[in-house]
Amino acid sequence: DLETARLLGALAPDQLGSSAHALAVSVDDTDGWVLTADSGWRAIFGHYTPVLHTTAEIPQQVQCLRSLLLNREAQTGTITLAVGPDRCGTYLPVATPNSGRATPPGHSPAP
């Protein structure tokens, strides 16, 4: 945990290509280690273990985060960093008031 806190806590927005002014590091039982930007996005780094998901993956996760933020930071809400040989991570767009709408634009919902 100390190694993770040191690595994630040392990150600055400009290292990620972010327009954020500040980053906050937190950890919880559900998502594990999370980096949150004051500009609105949230990056889930996950839980680290000595064998399965080690802190040695953090530099690759940071690189992945930087690439996912590139040219779409303002539209990015939550990022899950799941690095592997064939993947980097996934992201969800920022939630908007109409993002949960069940009917397409220009159509009225059924009564």
N, C-alpha and C. Protein backbone atom coordinates (compact mmCIF):
# COMPACT_ATOMS: atom_id res chain seq x y z
N ASP A 1 0.82 -1.20 0.00
CA ASP A 1 0.00 0.00 0.00
C ASP A 1 0.86 1.26 0.00
N LEU A 2 1.96 1.22 0.72
CA LEU A 2 2.83 2.38 0.77
C LEU A 2 3.43 2.68 -0.61
N GLU A 3 3.85 1.65 -1.33
CA GLU A 3 4.41 1.81 -2.67
C GLU A 3 3.36 2.38 -3.62
N THR A 4 2.14 1.89 -3.54
CA THR A 4 1.05 2.39 -4.39
C THR A 4 0.77 3.86 -4.09
N ALA A 5 0.66 4.20 -2.81
CA ALA A 5 0.40 5.58 -2.41
C ALA A 5 1.53 6.49 -2.90
N ARG A 6 2.76 6.04 -2.81
CA ARG A 6 3.90 6.84 -3.26
C ARG A 6 3.85 7.08 -4.77
N LEU A 7 3.59 6.02 -5.54
CA LEU A 7 3.58 6.13 -7.00
C LEU A 7 2.40 6.97 -7.51
N LEU A 8 1.22 6.71 -7.00
CA LEU A 8 0.05 7.46 -7.46
C LEU A 8 0.02 8.87 -6.90
N GLY A 9 0.47 9.03 -5.67
CA GLY A 9 0.48 10.36 -5.04
C GLY A 9 1.48 11.31 -5.68
N ALA A 10 2.48 10.78 -6.35
CA ALA A 10 3.49 11.61 -7.00
C ALA A 10 3.05 12.12 -8.37
N LEU A 11 1.94 11.61 -8.88
CA LEU A 11 1.49 12.02 -10.21
C LEU A 11 0.95 13.45 -10.21
N ALA A 12 1.29 14.17 -11.25
CA ALA A 12 0.78 15.53 -11.46
C ALA A 12 -0.06 15.53 -12.73
N PRO A 13 -1.05 16.42 -12.81
CA PRO A 13 -1.91 16.46 -14.00
C PRO A 13 -1.14 16.55 -15.32
N ASP A 14 -0.07 17.35 -15.36
CA ASP A 14 0.66 17.51 -16.62
C ASP A 14 1.35 16.21 -17.06
N GLN A 15 1.65 15.32 -16.13
CA GLN A 15 2.24 14.03 -16.49
C GLN A 15 1.23 13.15 -17.24
N LEU A 16 -0.04 13.46 -17.06
CA LEU A 16 -1.11 12.69 -17.70
C LEU A 16 -1.67 13.42 -18.91
N GLY A 17 -1.13 14.59 -19.21
CA GLY A 17 -1.67 15.39 -20.30
C GLY A 17 -3.03 15.95 -19.94
N SER A 18 -3.29 16.12 -18.65
CA SER A 18 -4.59 16.56 -18.17
C SER A 18 -4.63 18.06 -17.95
N SER A 19 -5.80 18.63 -18.14
CA SER A 19 -6.00 20.06 -17.87
C SER A 19 -6.42 20.29 -16.43
N ALA A 20 -6.52 19.24 -15.64
CA ALA A 20 -6.91 19.37 -14.24
C ALA A 20 -5.88 20.21 -13.48
N HIS A 21 -6.34 20.82 -12.40
CA HIS A 21 -5.44 21.60 -11.54
C HIS A 21 -4.91 20.74 -10.40
N ALA A 22 -5.68 19.72 -10.02
CA ALA A 22 -5.28 18.88 -8.89
C ALA A 22 -5.80 17.46 -9.07
N LEU A 23 -5.08 16.52 -8.47
CA LEU A 23 -5.47 15.11 -8.46
C LEU A 23 -5.56 14.66 -7.01
N ALA A 24 -6.48 13.76 -6.73
CA ALA A 24 -6.61 13.19 -5.39
C ALA A 24 -6.53 11.68 -5.49
N VAL A 25 -5.84 11.07 -4.55
CA VAL A 25 -5.72 9.61 -4.49
C VAL A 25 -6.56 9.11 -3.34
N SER A 26 -7.32 8.05 -3.61
CA SER A 26 -8.12 7.43 -2.54
C SER A 26 -8.10 5.92 -2.73
N VAL A 27 -8.54 5.22 -1.73
CA VAL A 27 -8.63 3.76 -1.81
C VAL A 27 -9.90 3.34 -1.08
N ASP A 28 -10.63 2.39 -1.69
CA ASP A 28 -11.82 1.85 -1.03
C ASP A 28 -11.96 0.37 -1.34
N ASP A 29 -12.83 -0.29 -0.62
CA ASP A 29 -13.00 -1.74 -0.77
C ASP A 29 -13.55 -2.15 -2.13
N THR A 30 -14.36 -1.32 -2.74
CA THR A 30 -15.00 -1.67 -4.01
C THR A 30 -14.05 -1.54 -5.19
N ASP A 31 -13.46 -0.37 -5.37
CA ASP A 31 -12.65 -0.09 -6.55
C ASP A 31 -11.15 -0.20 -6.32
N GLY A 32 -10.72 -0.24 -5.09
CA GLY A 32 -9.29 -0.23 -4.81
C GLY A 32 -8.75 1.18 -4.91
N TRP A 33 -7.59 1.34 -5.54
CA TRP A 33 -6.94 2.65 -5.68
C TRP A 33 -7.58 3.44 -6.81
N VAL A 34 -7.90 4.71 -6.52
CA VAL A 34 -8.60 5.58 -7.47
C VAL A 34 -7.91 6.94 -7.50
N LEU A 35 -7.73 7.46 -8.70
CA LEU A 35 -7.20 8.80 -8.90
C LEU A 35 -8.34 9.65 -9.45
N THR A 36 -8.62 10.78 -8.78
CA THR A 36 -9.72 11.64 -9.18
C THR A 36 -9.18 13.02 -9.51
N ALA A 37 -9.61 13.56 -10.64
CA ALA A 37 -9.19 14.90 -11.07
C ALA A 37 -10.27 15.91 -10.72
N ASP A 38 -9.84 17.10 -10.36
CA ASP A 38 -10.81 18.16 -10.06
C ASP A 38 -11.57 18.61 -11.31
N SER A 39 -11.12 18.17 -12.47
CA SER A 39 -11.83 18.49 -13.72
C SER A 39 -12.97 17.52 -14.01
N GLY A 40 -13.10 16.46 -13.19
CA GLY A 40 -14.27 15.60 -13.28
C GLY A 40 -14.06 14.13 -13.56
N TRP A 41 -12.93 13.71 -14.12
CA TRP A 41 -12.77 12.29 -14.40
C TRP A 41 -12.24 11.54 -13.18
N ARG A 42 -12.44 10.23 -13.23
CA ARG A 42 -12.05 9.33 -12.13
C ARG A 42 -11.41 8.10 -12.76
N ALA A 43 -10.18 7.76 -12.35
CA ALA A 43 -9.47 6.61 -12.90
C ALA A 43 -9.31 5.53 -11.84
N ILE A 44 -9.85 4.35 -12.14
CA ILE A 44 -9.78 3.23 -11.21
C ILE A 44 -8.54 2.39 -11.55
N PHE A 45 -7.59 2.37 -10.62
CA PHE A 45 -6.37 1.58 -10.80
C PHE A 45 -6.57 0.16 -10.26
N GLY A 46 -7.44 -0.01 -9.29
CA GLY A 46 -7.78 -1.34 -8.77
C GLY A 46 -7.03 -1.72 -7.51
N HIS A 47 -7.17 -2.98 -7.16
CA HIS A 47 -6.53 -3.55 -5.97
C HIS A 47 -5.20 -4.17 -6.38
N TYR A 48 -4.18 -3.97 -5.58
CA TYR A 48 -2.86 -4.55 -5.87
C TYR A 48 -2.57 -5.69 -4.90
N THR A 49 -1.94 -6.74 -5.44
CA THR A 49 -1.53 -7.89 -4.63
C THR A 49 -0.07 -8.18 -4.95
N PRO A 50 0.60 -8.92 -4.09
CA PRO A 50 2.01 -9.23 -4.36
C PRO A 50 2.22 -10.12 -5.60
N VAL A 51 1.17 -10.84 -6.04
CA VAL A 51 1.36 -11.79 -7.14
C VAL A 51 0.52 -11.49 -8.38
N LEU A 52 -0.78 -11.29 -8.23
CA LEU A 52 -1.67 -11.18 -9.38
C LEU A 52 -1.68 -9.82 -10.06
N HIS A 53 -1.78 -8.78 -9.32
CA HIS A 53 -1.88 -7.41 -9.86
C HIS A 53 -0.92 -6.56 -9.03
N THR A 54 0.33 -6.47 -9.48
CA THR A 54 1.37 -5.83 -8.67
C THR A 54 1.55 -4.36 -9.02
N THR A 55 2.25 -3.66 -8.14
CA THR A 55 2.52 -2.24 -8.38
C THR A 55 3.46 -2.04 -9.57
N ALA A 56 4.08 -3.07 -10.06
CA ALA A 56 4.92 -2.97 -11.26
C ALA A 56 4.09 -2.59 -12.48
N GLU A 57 2.77 -2.76 -12.42
CA GLU A 57 1.87 -2.41 -13.53
C GLU A 57 1.51 -0.93 -13.56
N ILE A 58 1.79 -0.21 -12.48
CA ILE A 58 1.37 1.19 -12.39
C ILE A 58 1.93 2.06 -13.52
N PRO A 59 3.21 1.98 -13.88
CA PRO A 59 3.67 2.81 -15.00
C PRO A 59 2.89 2.55 -16.30
N GLN A 60 2.56 1.30 -16.57
CA GLN A 60 1.78 0.98 -17.77
C GLN A 60 0.36 1.53 -17.64
N GLN A 61 -0.22 1.47 -16.44
CA GLN A 61 -1.55 2.02 -16.22
C GLN A 61 -1.55 3.54 -16.40
N VAL A 62 -0.50 4.20 -15.94
CA VAL A 62 -0.38 5.65 -16.10
C VAL A 62 -0.29 6.00 -17.59
N GLN A 63 0.50 5.25 -18.33
CA GLN A 63 0.61 5.47 -19.77
C GLN A 63 -0.75 5.27 -20.45
N CYS A 64 -1.46 4.24 -20.04
CA CYS A 64 -2.79 3.96 -20.57
C CYS A 64 -3.74 5.12 -20.26
N LEU A 65 -3.71 5.60 -19.02
CA LEU A 65 -4.57 6.71 -18.62
C LEU A 65 -4.29 7.93 -19.48
N ARG A 66 -3.02 8.22 -19.69
CA ARG A 66 -2.65 9.37 -20.52
C ARG A 66 -3.23 9.22 -21.93
N SER A 67 -3.13 8.03 -22.50
CA SER A 67 -3.64 7.83 -23.86
C SER A 67 -5.16 7.90 -23.92
N LEU A 68 -5.84 7.45 -22.87
CA LEU A 68 -7.30 7.52 -22.86
C LEU A 68 -7.81 8.95 -22.67
N LEU A 69 -7.03 9.78 -21.97
CA LEU A 69 -7.43 11.18 -21.78
C LEU A 69 -7.16 12.04 -23.00
N LEU A 70 -6.22 11.64 -23.81
CA LEU A 70 -5.80 12.43 -24.97
C LEU A 70 -6.99 12.74 -25.88
N ASN A 71 -7.24 14.00 -26.09
CA ASN A 71 -8.30 14.51 -26.98
C ASN A 71 -9.72 14.16 -26.56
N ARG A 72 -9.91 13.61 -25.35
CA ARG A 72 -11.28 13.32 -24.91
C ARG A 72 -11.46 13.49 -23.40
N GLU A 73 -10.55 14.22 -22.77
CA GLU A 73 -10.63 14.40 -21.32
C GLU A 73 -11.96 14.99 -20.89
N ALA A 74 -12.43 16.02 -21.59
CA ALA A 74 -13.67 16.69 -21.20
C ALA A 74 -14.89 15.78 -21.28
N GLN A 75 -14.84 14.75 -22.11
CA GLN A 75 -15.96 13.83 -22.26
C GLN A 75 -15.81 12.58 -21.40
N THR A 76 -14.71 12.45 -20.68
CA THR A 76 -14.42 11.22 -19.94
C THR A 76 -14.91 11.32 -18.51
N GLY A 77 -15.65 10.32 -18.07
CA GLY A 77 -16.15 10.26 -16.70
C GLY A 77 -15.32 9.32 -15.85
N THR A 78 -15.56 8.01 -16.01
CA THR A 78 -14.86 7.00 -15.23
C THR A 78 -14.01 6.13 -16.14
N ILE A 79 -12.77 5.94 -15.74
CA ILE A 79 -11.82 5.13 -16.50
C ILE A 79 -11.43 3.94 -15.65
N THR A 80 -11.51 2.75 -16.22
CA THR A 80 -11.04 1.55 -15.53
C THR A 80 -9.79 1.07 -16.25
N LEU A 81 -8.68 1.08 -15.54
CA LEU A 81 -7.38 0.74 -16.11
C LEU A 81 -7.11 -0.75 -15.92
N ALA A 82 -7.37 -1.52 -16.96
CA ALA A 82 -7.17 -2.97 -16.95
C ALA A 82 -6.17 -3.30 -18.04
N VAL A 83 -4.90 -3.16 -17.72
CA VAL A 83 -3.87 -3.35 -18.74
C VAL A 83 -3.56 -4.83 -18.96
N GLY A 84 -3.18 -5.13 -20.17
CA GLY A 84 -2.80 -6.48 -20.56
C GLY A 84 -2.14 -6.41 -21.91
N PRO A 85 -1.70 -7.54 -22.42
CA PRO A 85 -1.02 -7.54 -23.71
C PRO A 85 -1.88 -7.01 -24.85
N ASP A 86 -3.20 -7.17 -24.74
CA ASP A 86 -4.08 -6.77 -25.84
C ASP A 86 -5.09 -5.69 -25.44
N ARG A 87 -4.89 -5.07 -24.28
CA ARG A 87 -5.85 -4.06 -23.84
C ARG A 87 -5.17 -3.04 -22.94
N CYS A 88 -5.84 -1.91 -22.79
CA CYS A 88 -5.32 -0.82 -21.97
C CYS A 88 -6.29 -0.49 -20.84
N GLY A 89 -7.51 -0.26 -21.21
CA GLY A 89 -8.52 0.10 -20.24
C GLY A 89 -9.78 0.53 -20.96
N THR A 90 -10.77 0.88 -20.20
CA THR A 90 -12.03 1.33 -20.77
C THR A 90 -12.44 2.63 -20.08
N TYR A 91 -13.32 3.37 -20.72
CA TYR A 91 -13.83 4.57 -20.08
C TYR A 91 -15.30 4.74 -20.40
N LEU A 92 -15.97 5.43 -19.50
CA LEU A 92 -17.37 5.80 -19.68
C LEU A 92 -17.42 7.30 -19.85
N PRO A 93 -18.28 7.78 -20.73
CA PRO A 93 -18.38 9.23 -20.92
C PRO A 93 -18.97 9.89 -19.67
N VAL A 94 -18.80 11.19 -19.58
CA VAL A 94 -19.38 11.97 -18.50
C VAL A 94 -20.89 11.81 -18.58
N ALA A 95 -21.52 11.58 -17.45
CA ALA A 95 -22.99 11.47 -17.42
C ALA A 95 -23.60 12.84 -17.70
N THR A 96 -24.61 12.85 -18.55
CA THR A 96 -25.35 14.07 -18.83
C THR A 96 -26.79 13.87 -18.38
N PRO A 97 -27.55 14.94 -18.18
CA PRO A 97 -28.93 14.79 -17.72
C PRO A 97 -29.76 13.87 -18.60
N ASN A 98 -29.49 13.80 -19.90
CA ASN A 98 -30.28 12.98 -20.81
C ASN A 98 -29.65 11.62 -21.10
N SER A 99 -28.51 11.30 -20.45
CA SER A 99 -27.80 10.08 -20.81
C SER A 99 -28.56 8.81 -20.45
N GLY A 100 -29.53 8.91 -19.54
CA GLY A 100 -30.29 7.73 -19.19
C GLY A 100 -31.62 7.62 -19.90
N ARG A 101 -31.84 8.51 -20.87
CA ARG A 101 -33.11 8.56 -21.58
C ARG A 101 -33.35 7.27 -22.35
N ALA A 102 -34.55 6.73 -22.23
CA ALA A 102 -34.89 5.47 -22.89
C ALA A 102 -35.41 5.67 -24.30
N THR A 103 -35.83 6.89 -24.63
CA THR A 103 -36.36 7.12 -25.97
C THR A 103 -35.37 7.93 -26.79
N PRO A 104 -35.28 7.66 -28.08
CA PRO A 104 -34.36 8.42 -28.93
C PRO A 104 -34.79 9.86 -29.04
N PRO A 105 -33.86 10.76 -29.34
CA PRO A 105 -34.23 12.17 -29.51
C PRO A 105 -35.29 12.32 -30.59
N GLY A 106 -36.24 13.23 -30.33
CA GLY A 106 -37.29 13.50 -31.30
C GLY A 106 -38.49 12.56 -31.19
N HIS A 107 -38.43 11.61 -30.28
CA HIS A 107 -39.54 10.67 -30.07
C HIS A 107 -40.13 10.90 -28.69
N SER A 108 -41.44 10.73 -28.59
CA SER A 108 -42.09 10.86 -27.29
C SER A 108 -42.16 9.51 -26.63
N PRO A 109 -41.96 9.48 -25.30
CA PRO A 109 -42.09 8.19 -24.62
C PRO A 109 -43.53 7.69 -24.68
N ALA A 110 -43.68 6.39 -24.62
CA ALA A 110 -45.03 5.81 -24.65
C ALA A 110 -45.76 6.17 -23.38
N PRO A 111 -47.11 6.38 -23.46
CA PRO A 111 -47.90 6.75 -22.26
C PRO A 111 -47.95 5.62 -21.27
